Amino acid sequence: MTRHAIVERLDAHGPGKLPRINGELTFSAPWEATVFALAVALSDAGRFGLHEFHQLLIGEIQEWERQAQPAGGLDYYQRWLAALEHVLCRRGLLTRAELQTRAAVLVAHDQHR
């Protein structure tokens, strides 16, 4: 499945809809584009199904809606990242411990800039 086809399938109406401005995908920070591309590439490579990921993304958004919502509103790509982490762990591609270790390394790297 091509990137365009994947984006079209994810771009349905409802909670999982991709953020757009004037028809273009929007990202507030470079990490958002990176995590978006990573999920699309892994799905395209057959590491997990797009439907499975999309359902996890919708679940993450719905969970956010059930909790006390921050004043700033939904951070779509935080939910996207959480869904990606869930599918990676579910598929055995990474463990929670590995995710935590990698996140700590990235935080340490950012603090030393």
PDB file of N, CA and C in Angstrom:
ATOM      1  N   MET A   1       0.850  -1.168   0.000  1.00  0.00           N
ATOM      2  CA  MET A   1       0.000   0.000   0.000  1.00  0.00           C
ATOM      3  C   MET A   1       0.902   1.239   0.000  1.00  0.00           C
ATOM      4  N   THR A   2       0.600   2.188  -0.818  1.00  0.00           N
ATOM      5  CA  THR A   2       1.423   3.402  -0.920  1.00  0.00           C
ATOM      6  C   THR A   2       1.133   4.353   0.239  1.00  0.00           C
ATOM      7  N   ARG A   3       2.061   5.299   0.460  1.00  0.00           N
ATOM      8  CA  ARG A   3       1.864   6.305   1.515  1.00  0.00           C
ATOM      9  C   ARG A   3       0.554   7.041   1.290  1.00  0.00           C
ATOM     10  N   HIS A   4       0.267   7.391   0.037  1.00  0.00           N
ATOM     11  CA  HIS A   4      -0.969   8.115  -0.278  1.00  0.00           C
ATOM     12  C   HIS A   4      -2.197   7.289   0.111  1.00  0.00           C
ATOM     13  N   ALA A   5      -2.179   6.002  -0.187  1.00  0.00           N
ATOM     14  CA  ALA A   5      -3.309   5.132   0.153  1.00  0.00           C
ATOM     15  C   ALA A   5      -3.460   4.995   1.664  1.00  0.00           C
ATOM     16  N   ILE A   6      -2.330   4.905   2.370  1.00  0.00           N
ATOM     17  CA  ILE A   6      -2.381   4.810   3.829  1.00  0.00           C
ATOM     18  C   ILE A   6      -2.982   6.068   4.422  1.00  0.00           C
ATOM     19  N   VAL A   7      -2.523   7.223   3.955  1.00  0.00           N
ATOM     20  CA  VAL A   7      -3.045   8.494   4.462  1.00  0.00           C
ATOM     21  C   VAL A   7      -4.537   8.603   4.162  1.00  0.00           C
ATOM     22  N   GLU A   8      -4.947   8.201   2.974  1.00  0.00           N
ATOM     23  CA  GLU A   8      -6.373   8.254   2.630  1.00  0.00           C
ATOM     24  C   GLU A   8      -7.203   7.384   3.566  1.00  0.00           C
ATOM     25  N   ARG A   9      -6.715   6.199   3.887  1.00  0.00           N
ATOM     26  CA  ARG A   9      -7.457   5.306   4.780  1.00  0.00           C
ATOM     27  C   ARG A   9      -7.537   5.869   6.193  1.00  0.00           C
ATOM     28  N   LEU A  10      -6.471   6.539   6.644  1.00  0.00           N
ATOM     29  CA  LEU A  10      -6.474   7.135   7.979  1.00  0.00           C
ATOM     30  C   LEU A  10      -7.278   8.430   8.023  1.00  0.00           C
ATOM     31  N   ASP A  11      -7.518   9.006   6.871  1.00  0.00           N
ATOM     32  CA  ASP A  11      -8.126  10.324   6.810  1.00  0.00           C
ATOM     33  C   ASP A  11      -9.648  10.281   6.818  1.00  0.00           C
ATOM     34  N   ALA A  12     -10.193   9.254   7.421  1.00  0.00           N
ATOM     35  CA  ALA A  12     -11.649   9.150   7.546  1.00  0.00           C
ATOM     36  C   ALA A  12     -12.152  10.195   8.534  1.00  0.00           C
ATOM     37  N   HIS A  13     -13.432  10.386   8.544  1.00  0.00           N
ATOM     38  CA  HIS A  13     -14.038  11.288   9.523  1.00  0.00           C
ATOM     39  C   HIS A  13     -14.015  10.627  10.892  1.00  0.00           C
ATOM     40  N   GLY A  14     -14.136  11.430  11.928  1.00  0.00           N
ATOM     41  CA  GLY A  14     -14.211  10.882  13.277  1.00  0.00           C
ATOM     42  C   GLY A  14     -12.942  11.130  14.057  1.00  0.00           C
ATOM     43  N   PRO A  15     -12.801  10.432  15.181  1.00  0.00           N
ATOM     44  CA  PRO A  15     -11.715  10.728  16.109  1.00  0.00           C
ATOM     45  C   PRO A  15     -10.313  10.510  15.557  1.00  0.00           C
ATOM     46  N   GLY A  16     -10.134   9.625  14.586  1.00  0.00           N
ATOM     47  CA  GLY A  16      -8.799   9.357  14.075  1.00  0.00           C
ATOM     48  C   GLY A  16      -8.378  10.233  12.909  1.00  0.00           C
ATOM     49  N   LYS A  17      -9.203  11.197  12.530  1.00  0.00           N
ATOM     50  CA  LYS A  17      -8.935  12.040  11.363  1.00  0.00           C
ATOM     51  C   LYS A  17      -7.638  12.814  11.522  1.00  0.00           C
ATOM     52  N   LEU A  18      -6.841  12.809  10.470  1.00  0.00           N
ATOM     53  CA  LEU A  18      -5.558  13.515  10.478  1.00  0.00           C
ATOM     54  C   LEU A  18      -5.760  15.031  10.495  1.00  0.00           C
ATOM     55  N   PRO A  19      -4.919  15.751  11.261  1.00  0.00           N
ATOM     56  CA  PRO A  19      -5.036  17.218  11.294  1.00  0.00           C
ATOM     57  C   PRO A  19      -4.563  17.826   9.965  1.00  0.00           C
ATOM     58  N   ARG A  20      -5.371  18.719   9.443  1.00  0.00           N
ATOM     59  CA  ARG A  20      -5.047  19.380   8.174  1.00  0.00           C
ATOM     60  C   ARG A  20      -5.404  20.856   8.242  1.00  0.00           C
ATOM     61  N   ILE A  21      -4.679  21.627   7.463  1.00  0.00           N
ATOM     62  CA  ILE A  21      -5.010  23.035   7.225  1.00  0.00           C
ATOM     63  C   ILE A  21      -4.953  23.225   5.716  1.00  0.00           C
ATOM     64  N   ASN A  22      -6.030  23.724   5.137  1.00  0.00           N
ATOM     65  CA  ASN A  22      -6.120  23.902   3.680  1.00  0.00           C
ATOM     66  C   ASN A  22      -5.765  22.624   2.922  1.00  0.00           C
ATOM     67  N   GLY A  23      -6.183  21.500   3.464  1.00  0.00           N
ATOM     68  CA  GLY A  23      -5.975  20.218   2.805  1.00  0.00           C
ATOM     69  C   GLY A  23      -4.616  19.591   3.019  1.00  0.00           C
ATOM     70  N   GLU A  24      -3.700  20.290   3.652  1.00  0.00           N
ATOM     71  CA  GLU A  24      -2.354  19.768   3.873  1.00  0.00           C
ATOM     72  C   GLU A  24      -2.204  19.240   5.295  1.00  0.00           C
ATOM     73  N   LEU A  25      -1.492  18.117   5.445  1.00  0.00           N
ATOM     74  CA  LEU A  25      -1.196  17.607   6.782  1.00  0.00           C
ATOM     75  C   LEU A  25      -0.418  18.662   7.554  1.00  0.00           C
ATOM     76  N   THR A  26      -0.708  18.770   8.849  1.00  0.00           N
ATOM     77  CA  THR A  26      -0.023  19.767   9.668  1.00  0.00           C
ATOM     78  C   THR A  26       0.733  19.088  10.804  1.00  0.00           C
ATOM     79  N   PHE A  27       1.899  19.635  11.088  1.00  0.00           N
ATOM     80  CA  PHE A  27       2.739  19.176  12.187  1.00  0.00           C
ATOM     81  C   PHE A  27       3.251  20.416  12.907  1.00  0.00           C
ATOM     82  N   SER A  28       3.181  20.419  14.243  1.00  0.00           N
ATOM     83  CA  SER A  28       3.641  21.568  15.034  1.00  0.00           C
ATOM     84  C   SER A  28       5.121  21.491  15.343  1.00  0.00           C
ATOM     85  N   ALA A  29       5.678  20.304  15.270  1.00  0.00           N
ATOM     86  CA  ALA A  29       7.083  20.107  15.631  1.00  0.00           C
ATOM     87  C   ALA A  29       7.652  18.973  14.779  1.00  0.00           C
ATOM     88  N   PRO A  30       8.957  18.975  14.583  1.00  0.00           N
ATOM     89  CA  PRO A  30       9.565  17.923  13.756  1.00  0.00           C
ATOM     90  C   PRO A  30       9.281  16.500  14.247  1.00  0.00           C
ATOM     91  N   TRP A  31       9.206  16.293  15.561  1.00  0.00           N
ATOM     92  CA  TRP A  31       8.971  14.942  16.072  1.00  0.00           C
ATOM     93  C   TRP A  31       7.624  14.400  15.608  1.00  0.00           C
ATOM     94  N   GLU A  32       6.639  15.289  15.423  1.00  0.00           N
ATOM     95  CA  GLU A  32       5.315  14.839  14.974  1.00  0.00           C
ATOM     96  C   GLU A  32       5.394  14.241  13.569  1.00  0.00           C
ATOM     97  N   ALA A  33       6.103  14.919  12.682  1.00  0.00           N
ATOM     98  CA  ALA A  33       6.272  14.401  11.319  1.00  0.00           C
ATOM     99  C   ALA A  33       7.052  13.089  11.345  1.00  0.00           C
ATOM    100  N   THR A  34       8.026  12.998  12.230  1.00  0.00           N
ATOM    101  CA  THR A  34       8.837  11.786  12.332  1.00  0.00           C
ATOM    102  C   THR A  34       8.001  10.603  12.798  1.00  0.00           C
ATOM    103  N   VAL A  35       7.206  10.791  13.852  1.00  0.00           N
ATOM    104  CA  VAL A  35       6.410   9.685  14.378  1.00  0.00           C
ATOM    105  C   VAL A  35       5.294   9.307  13.390  1.00  0.00           C
ATOM    106  N   PHE A  36       4.785  10.272  12.661  1.00  0.00           N
ATOM    107  CA  PHE A  36       3.807   9.999  11.612  1.00  0.00           C
ATOM    108  C   PHE A  36       4.450   9.111  10.538  1.00  0.00           C
ATOM    109  N   ALA A  37       5.607   9.538  10.052  1.00  0.00           N
ATOM    110  CA  ALA A  37       6.287   8.800   8.995  1.00  0.00           C
ATOM    111  C   ALA A  37       6.704   7.410   9.458  1.00  0.00           C
ATOM    112  N   LEU A  38       7.127   7.290  10.691  1.00  0.00           N
ATOM    113  CA  LEU A  38       7.527   5.999  11.238  1.00  0.00           C
ATOM    114  C   LEU A  38       6.348   5.031  11.243  1.00  0.00           C
ATOM    115  N   ALA A  39       5.194   5.487  11.708  1.00  0.00           N
ATOM    116  CA  ALA A  39       4.017   4.618  11.735  1.00  0.00           C
ATOM    117  C   ALA A  39       3.602   4.207  10.327  1.00  0.00           C
ATOM    118  N   VAL A  40       3.615   5.147   9.400  1.00  0.00           N
ATOM    119  CA  VAL A  40       3.239   4.832   8.019  1.00  0.00           C
ATOM    120  C   VAL A  40       4.233   3.841   7.415  1.00  0.00           C
ATOM    121  N   ALA A  41       5.532   4.065   7.637  1.00  0.00           N
ATOM    122  CA  ALA A  41       6.552   3.174   7.076  1.00  0.00           C
ATOM    123  C   ALA A  41       6.454   1.759   7.663  1.00  0.00           C
ATOM    124  N   LEU A  42       6.240   1.664   8.971  1.00  0.00           N
ATOM    125  CA  LEU A  42       6.130   0.347   9.599  1.00  0.00           C
ATOM    126  C   LEU A  42       4.890  -0.400   9.125  1.00  0.00           C
ATOM    127  N   SER A  43       3.802   0.328   8.951  1.00  0.00           N
ATOM    128  CA  SER A  43       2.589  -0.293   8.429  1.00  0.00           C
ATOM    129  C   SER A  43       2.812  -0.743   6.988  1.00  0.00           C
ATOM    130  N   ASP A  44       3.428   0.134   6.214  1.00  0.00           N
ATOM    131  CA  ASP A  44       3.712  -0.176   4.814  1.00  0.00           C
ATOM    132  C   ASP A  44       4.630  -1.395   4.686  1.00  0.00           C
ATOM    133  N   ALA A  45       5.522  -1.568   5.663  1.00  0.00           N
ATOM    134  CA  ALA A  45       6.451  -2.707   5.658  1.00  0.00           C
ATOM    135  C   ALA A  45       5.810  -3.986   6.196  1.00  0.00           C
ATOM    136  N   GLY A  46       4.543  -3.893   6.592  1.00  0.00           N
ATOM    137  CA  GLY A  46       3.840  -5.083   7.066  1.00  0.00           C
ATOM    138  C   GLY A  46       4.086  -5.435   8.516  1.00  0.00           C
ATOM    139  N   ARG A  47       4.652  -4.516   9.288  1.00  0.00           N
ATOM    140  CA  ARG A  47       4.925  -4.781  10.709  1.00  0.00           C
ATOM    141  C   ARG A  47       3.645  -4.808  11.538  1.00  0.00           C
ATOM    142  N   PHE A  48       2.644  -4.079  11.097  1.00  0.00           N
ATOM    143  CA  PHE A  48       1.318  -4.114  11.712  1.00  0.00           C
ATOM    144  C   PHE A  48       0.323  -3.609  10.685  1.00  0.00           C
ATOM    145  N   GLY A  49      -0.923  -3.984  10.904  1.00  0.00           N
ATOM    146  CA  GLY A  49      -1.969  -3.574   9.979  1.00  0.00           C
ATOM    147  C   GLY A  49      -2.448  -2.158  10.258  1.00  0.00           C
ATOM    148  N   LEU A  50      -2.780  -1.476   9.194  1.00  0.00           N
ATOM    149  CA  LEU A  50      -3.269  -0.113   9.324  1.00  0.00           C
ATOM    150  C   LEU A  50      -4.555  -0.063  10.135  1.00  0.00           C
ATOM    151  N   HIS A  51      -5.428  -1.023   9.927  1.00  0.00           N
ATOM    152  CA  HIS A  51      -6.689  -1.053  10.670  1.00  0.00           C
ATOM    153  C   HIS A  51      -6.421  -1.196  12.167  1.00  0.00           C
ATOM    154  N   GLU A  52      -5.500  -2.079  12.527  1.00  0.00           N
ATOM    155  CA  GLU A  52      -5.152  -2.275  13.934  1.00  0.00           C
ATOM    156  C   GLU A  52      -4.631  -0.966  14.537  1.00  0.00           C
ATOM    157  N   PHE A  53      -3.721  -0.300  13.832  1.00  0.00           N
ATOM    158  CA  PHE A  53      -3.173   0.960  14.327  1.00  0.00           C
ATOM    159  C   PHE A  53      -4.271   2.012  14.460  1.00  0.00           C
ATOM    160  N   HIS A  54      -5.111   2.115  13.454  1.00  0.00           N
ATOM    161  CA  HIS A  54      -6.177   3.124  13.457  1.00  0.00           C
ATOM    162  C   HIS A  54      -7.130   2.904  14.628  1.00  0.00           C
ATOM    163  N   GLN A  55      -7.455   1.659  14.926  1.00  0.00           N
ATOM    164  CA  GLN A  55      -8.330   1.365  16.057  1.00  0.00           C
ATOM    165  C   GLN A  55      -7.664   1.763  17.380  1.00  0.00           C
ATOM    166  N   LEU A  56      -6.369   1.509  17.496  1.00  0.00           N
ATOM    167  CA  LEU A  56      -5.643   1.919  18.702  1.00  0.00           C
ATOM    168  C   LEU A  56      -5.610   3.440  18.818  1.00  0.00           C
ATOM    169  N   LEU A  57      -5.428   4.130  17.703  1.00  0.00           N
ATOM    170  CA  LEU A  57      -5.431   5.597  17.707  1.00  0.00           C
ATOM    171  C   LEU A  57      -6.789   6.130  18.156  1.00  0.00           C
ATOM    172  N   ILE A  58      -7.845   5.585  17.622  1.00  0.00           N
ATOM    173  CA  ILE A  58      -9.188   6.006  18.028  1.00  0.00           C
ATOM    174  C   ILE A  58      -9.387   5.745  19.520  1.00  0.00           C
ATOM    175  N   GLY A  59      -8.936   4.595  20.003  1.00  0.00           N
ATOM    176  CA  GLY A  59      -9.033   4.283  21.427  1.00  0.00           C
ATOM    177  C   GLY A  59      -8.268   5.280  22.281  1.00  0.00           C
ATOM    178  N   GLU A  60      -7.087   5.664  21.841  1.00  0.00           N
ATOM    179  CA  GLU A  60      -6.286   6.658  22.573  1.00  0.00           C
ATOM    180  C   GLU A  60      -7.007   8.010  22.636  1.00  0.00           C
ATOM    181  N   ILE A  61      -7.593   8.410  21.534  1.00  0.00           N
ATOM    182  CA  ILE A  61      -8.320   9.679  21.493  1.00  0.00           C
ATOM    183  C   ILE A  61      -9.555   9.604  22.389  1.00  0.00           C
ATOM    184  N   GLN A  62     -10.274   8.496  22.328  1.00  0.00           N
ATOM    185  CA  GLN A  62     -11.457   8.337  23.171  1.00  0.00           C
ATOM    186  C   GLN A  62     -11.088   8.323  24.648  1.00  0.00           C
ATOM    187  N   GLU A  63      -9.968   7.705  24.999  1.00  0.00           N
ATOM    188  CA  GLU A  63      -9.504   7.704  26.386  1.00  0.00           C
ATOM    189  C   GLU A  63      -9.178   9.124  26.829  1.00  0.00           C
ATOM    190  N   TRP A  64      -8.527   9.888  25.977  1.00  0.00           N
ATOM    191  CA  TRP A  64      -8.236  11.287  26.277  1.00  0.00           C
ATOM    192  C   TRP A  64      -9.539  12.060  26.514  1.00  0.00           C
ATOM    193  N   GLU A  65     -10.546  11.780  25.697  1.00  0.00           N
ATOM    194  CA  GLU A  65     -11.839  12.471  25.833  1.00  0.00           C
ATOM    195  C   GLU A  65     -12.520  12.125  27.155  1.00  0.00           C
ATOM    196  N   ARG A  66     -12.338  10.890  27.650  1.00  0.00           N
ATOM    197  CA  ARG A  66     -12.958  10.476  28.912  1.00  0.00           C
ATOM    198  C   ARG A  66     -12.280  11.109  30.124  1.00  0.00           C
ATOM    199  N   GLN A  67     -10.999  11.405  29.995  1.00  0.00           N
ATOM    200  CA  GLN A  67     -10.246  11.985  31.109  1.00  0.00           C
ATOM    201  C   GLN A  67     -10.438  13.501  31.130  1.00  0.00           C
ATOM    202  N   ALA A  68      -9.949  14.101  32.215  1.00  0.00           N
ATOM    203  CA  ALA A  68      -9.968  15.565  32.290  1.00  0.00           C
ATOM    204  C   ALA A  68      -9.087  16.095  31.166  1.00  0.00           C
ATOM    205  N   GLN A  69      -9.682  16.834  30.274  1.00  0.00           N
ATOM    206  CA  GLN A  69      -8.972  17.317  29.097  1.00  0.00           C
ATOM    207  C   GLN A  69      -8.197  18.592  29.426  1.00  0.00           C
ATOM    208  N   PRO A  70      -6.936  18.661  28.996  1.00  0.00           N
ATOM    209  CA  PRO A  70      -6.168  19.870  29.252  1.00  0.00           C
ATOM    210  C   PRO A  70      -6.735  21.062  28.482  1.00  0.00           C
ATOM    211  N   ALA A  71      -6.512  22.233  29.016  1.00  0.00           N
ATOM    212  CA  ALA A  71      -7.057  23.457  28.415  1.00  0.00           C
ATOM    213  C   ALA A  71      -6.576  23.658  26.979  1.00  0.00           C
ATOM    214  N   GLY A  72      -5.378  23.190  26.682  1.00  0.00           N
ATOM    215  CA  GLY A  72      -4.823  23.385  25.348  1.00  0.00           C
ATOM    216  C   GLY A  72      -5.485  22.543  24.275  1.00  0.00           C
ATOM    217  N   GLY A  73      -6.290  21.581  24.647  1.00  0.00           N
ATOM    218  CA  GLY A  73      -6.960  20.735  23.666  1.00  0.00           C
ATOM    219  C   GLY A  73      -6.167  19.487  23.343  1.00  0.00           C
ATOM    220  N   LEU A  74      -6.716  18.714  22.458  1.00  0.00           N
ATOM    221  CA  LEU A  74      -6.139  17.435  22.078  1.00  0.00           C
ATOM    222  C   LEU A  74      -4.789  17.632  21.397  1.00  0.00           C
ATOM    223  N   ASP A  75      -3.790  16.911  21.866  1.00  0.00           N
ATOM    224  CA  ASP A  75      -2.498  16.849  21.189  1.00  0.00           C
ATOM    225  C   ASP A  75      -2.522  15.566  20.365  1.00  0.00           C
ATOM    226  N   TYR A  76      -2.955  15.694  19.130  1.00  0.00           N
ATOM    227  CA  TYR A  76      -3.198  14.560  18.253  1.00  0.00           C
ATOM    228  C   TYR A  76      -1.985  13.638  18.153  1.00  0.00           C
ATOM    229  N   TYR A  77      -0.812  14.212  17.957  1.00  0.00           N
ATOM    230  CA  TYR A  77       0.349  13.360  17.743  1.00  0.00           C
ATOM    231  C   TYR A  77       0.871  12.727  19.026  1.00  0.00           C
ATOM    232  N   GLN A  78       0.524  13.251  20.191  1.00  0.00           N
ATOM    233  CA  GLN A  78       0.800  12.520  21.433  1.00  0.00           C
ATOM    234  C   GLN A  78      -0.031  11.243  21.448  1.00  0.00           C
ATOM    235  N   ARG A  79      -1.278  11.344  21.022  1.00  0.00           N
ATOM    236  CA  ARG A  79      -2.145  10.167  20.945  1.00  0.00           C
ATOM    237  C   ARG A  79      -1.634   9.209  19.869  1.00  0.00           C
ATOM    238  N   TRP A  80      -1.165   9.761  18.756  1.00  0.00           N
ATOM    239  CA  TRP A  80      -0.603   8.960  17.666  1.00  0.00           C
ATOM    240  C   TRP A  80       0.589   8.157  18.182  1.00  0.00           C
ATOM    241  N   LEU A  81       1.478   8.826  18.922  1.00  0.00           N
ATOM    242  CA  LEU A  81       2.659   8.175  19.490  1.00  0.00           C
ATOM    243  C   LEU A  81       2.249   7.070  20.465  1.00  0.00           C
ATOM    244  N   ALA A  82       1.267   7.349  21.306  1.00  0.00           N
ATOM    245  CA  ALA A  82       0.801   6.335  22.262  1.00  0.00           C
ATOM    246  C   ALA A  82       0.263   5.106  21.522  1.00  0.00           C
ATOM    247  N   ALA A  83      -0.504   5.331  20.451  1.00  0.00           N
ATOM    248  CA  ALA A  83      -1.033   4.207  19.665  1.00  0.00           C
ATOM    249  C   ALA A  83       0.110   3.428  19.011  1.00  0.00           C
ATOM    250  N   LEU A  84       1.114   4.136  18.519  1.00  0.00           N
ATOM    251  CA  LEU A  84       2.262   3.470  17.908  1.00  0.00           C
ATOM    252  C   LEU A  84       3.003   2.633  18.944  1.00  0.00           C
ATOM    253  N   GLU A  85       3.208   3.181  20.127  1.00  0.00           N
ATOM    254  CA  GLU A  85       3.870   2.424  21.190  1.00  0.00           C
ATOM    255  C   GLU A  85       3.090   1.155  21.530  1.00  0.00           C
ATOM    256  N   HIS A  86       1.762   1.281  21.604  1.00  0.00           N
ATOM    257  CA  HIS A  86       0.925   0.110  21.917  1.00  0.00           C
ATOM    258  C   HIS A  86       1.063  -0.966  20.851  1.00  0.00           C
ATOM    259  N   VAL A  87       0.999  -0.574  19.594  1.00  0.00           N
ATOM    260  CA  VAL A  87       1.053  -1.578  18.531  1.00  0.00           C
ATOM    261  C   VAL A  87       2.447  -2.204  18.458  1.00  0.00           C
ATOM    262  N   LEU A  88       3.497  -1.428  18.703  1.00  0.00           N
ATOM    263  CA  LEU A  88       4.849  -1.984  18.681  1.00  0.00           C
ATOM    264  C   LEU A  88       5.034  -3.016  19.790  1.00  0.00           C
ATOM    265  N   CYS A  89       4.501  -2.710  20.966  1.00  0.00           N
ATOM    266  CA  CYS A  89       4.591  -3.662  22.081  1.00  0.00           C
ATOM    267  C   CYS A  89       3.697  -4.879  21.840  1.00  0.00           C
ATOM    268  N   ARG A  90       2.499  -4.648  21.354  1.00  0.00           N
ATOM    269  CA  ARG A  90       1.562  -5.744  21.083  1.00  0.00           C
ATOM    270  C   ARG A  90       2.146  -6.722  20.074  1.00  0.00           C
ATOM    271  N   ARG A  91       2.842  -6.199  19.075  1.00  0.00           N
ATOM    272  CA  ARG A  91       3.434  -7.034  18.033  1.00  0.00           C
ATOM    273  C   ARG A  91       4.793  -7.614  18.421  1.00  0.00           C
ATOM    274  N   GLY A  92       5.297  -7.246  19.617  1.00  0.00           N
ATOM    275  CA  GLY A  92       6.574  -7.761  20.082  1.00  0.00           C
ATOM    276  C   GLY A  92       7.777  -7.130  19.400  1.00  0.00           C
ATOM    277  N   LEU A  93       7.578  -5.985  18.762  1.00  0.00           N
ATOM    278  CA  LEU A  93       8.689  -5.309  18.093  1.00  0.00           C
ATOM    279  C   LEU A  93       9.567  -4.556  19.091  1.00  0.00           C
ATOM    280  N   LEU A  94       8.972  -4.105  20.177  1.00  0.00           N
ATOM    281  CA  LEU A  94       9.680  -3.451  21.287  1.00  0.00           C
ATOM    282  C   LEU A  94       8.955  -3.805  22.580  1.00  0.00           C
ATOM    283  N   THR A  95       9.697  -3.767  23.675  1.00  0.00           N
ATOM    284  CA  THR A  95       9.061  -3.938  24.984  1.00  0.00           C
ATOM    285  C   THR A  95       8.849  -2.559  25.601  1.00  0.00           C
ATOM    286  N   ARG A  96       8.018  -2.497  26.630  1.00  0.00           N
ATOM    287  CA  ARG A  96       7.817  -1.228  27.355  1.00  0.00           C
ATOM    288  C   ARG A  96       9.142  -0.725  27.917  1.00  0.00           C
ATOM    289  N   ALA A  97       9.954  -1.637  28.437  1.00  0.00           N
ATOM    290  CA  ALA A  97      11.252  -1.249  28.998  1.00  0.00           C
ATOM    291  C   ALA A  97      12.142  -0.629  27.919  1.00  0.00           C
ATOM    292  N   GLU A  98      12.144  -1.218  26.723  1.00  0.00           N
ATOM    293  CA  GLU A  98      12.940  -0.661  25.632  1.00  0.00           C
ATOM    294  C   GLU A  98      12.443   0.727  25.237  1.00  0.00           C
ATOM    295  N   LEU A  99      11.134   0.896  25.202  1.00  0.00           N
ATOM    296  CA  LEU A  99      10.573   2.216  24.888  1.00  0.00           C
ATOM    297  C   LEU A  99      10.990   3.245  25.932  1.00  0.00           C
ATOM    298  N   GLN A 100      10.911   2.880  27.204  1.00  0.00           N
ATOM    299  CA  GLN A 100      11.287   3.796  28.274  1.00  0.00           C
ATOM    300  C   GLN A 100      12.766   4.146  28.206  1.00  0.00           C
ATOM    301  N   THR A 101      13.604   3.158  27.921  1.00  0.00           N
ATOM    302  CA  THR A 101      15.045   3.407  27.809  1.00  0.00           C
ATOM    303  C   THR A 101      15.335   4.357  26.650  1.00  0.00           C
ATOM    304  N   ARG A 102      14.725   4.114  25.512  1.00  0.00           N
ATOM    305  CA  ARG A 102      14.946   4.968  24.337  1.00  0.00           C
ATOM    306  C   ARG A 102      14.426   6.381  24.574  1.00  0.00           C
ATOM    307  N   ALA A 103      13.294   6.499  25.250  1.00  0.00           N
ATOM    308  CA  ALA A 103      12.749   7.824  25.568  1.00  0.00           C
ATOM    309  C   ALA A 103      13.689   8.581  26.497  1.00  0.00           C
ATOM    310  N   ALA A 104      14.244   7.887  27.487  1.00  0.00           N
ATOM    311  CA  ALA A 104      15.180   8.530  28.418  1.00  0.00           C
ATOM    312  C   ALA A 104      16.426   9.020  27.693  1.00  0.00           C
ATOM    313  N   VAL A 105      16.913   8.246  26.738  1.00  0.00           N
ATOM    314  CA  VAL A 105      18.087   8.658  25.952  1.00  0.00           C
ATOM    315  C   VAL A 105      17.770   9.917  25.142  1.00  0.00           C
ATOM    316  N   LEU A 106      16.596   9.956  24.545  1.00  0.00           N
ATOM    317  CA  LEU A 106      16.208  11.140  23.756  1.00  0.00           C
ATOM    318  C   LEU A 106      16.059  12.376  24.642  1.00  0.00           C
ATOM    319  N   VAL A 107      15.461  12.210  25.807  1.00  0.00           N
ATOM    320  CA  VAL A 107      15.315  13.343  26.726  1.00  0.00           C
ATOM    321  C   VAL A 107      16.683  13.851  27.155  1.00  0.00           C
ATOM    322  N   ALA A 108      17.582  12.940  27.496  1.00  0.00           N
ATOM    323  CA  ALA A 108      18.941  13.324  27.903  1.00  0.00           C
ATOM    324  C   ALA A 108      19.653  14.044  26.760  1.00  0.00           C
ATOM    325  N   HIS A 109      19.479  13.552  25.549  1.00  0.00           N
ATOM    326  CA  HIS A 109      20.100  14.178  24.387  1.00  0.00           C
ATOM    327  C   HIS A 109      19.582  15.612  24.202  1.00  0.00           C
ATOM    328  N   ASP A 110      18.268  15.793  24.330  1.00  0.00           N
ATOM    329  CA  ASP A 110      17.673  17.125  24.175  1.00  0.00           C
ATOM    330  C   ASP A 110      18.131  18.084  25.258  1.00  0.00           C
ATOM    331  N   GLN A 111      18.357  17.586  26.456  1.00  0.00           N
ATOM    332  CA  GLN A 111      18.785  18.450  27.565  1.00  0.00           C
ATOM    333  C   GLN A 111      20.227  18.902  27.406  1.00  0.00           C
ATOM    334  N   HIS A 112      21.021  18.193  26.616  1.00  0.00           N
ATOM    335  CA  HIS A 112      22.432  18.547  26.441  1.00  0.00           C
ATOM    336  C   HIS A 112      22.680  19.434  25.230  1.00  0.00           C
ATOM    337  N   ARG A 113      21.648  19.814  24.552  1.00  0.00           N
ATOM    338  CA  ARG A 113      21.811  20.681  23.364  1.00  0.00           C
ATOM    339  C   ARG A 113      22.109  22.080  23.776  1.00  0.00           C
TER     340      ARG A 113
END
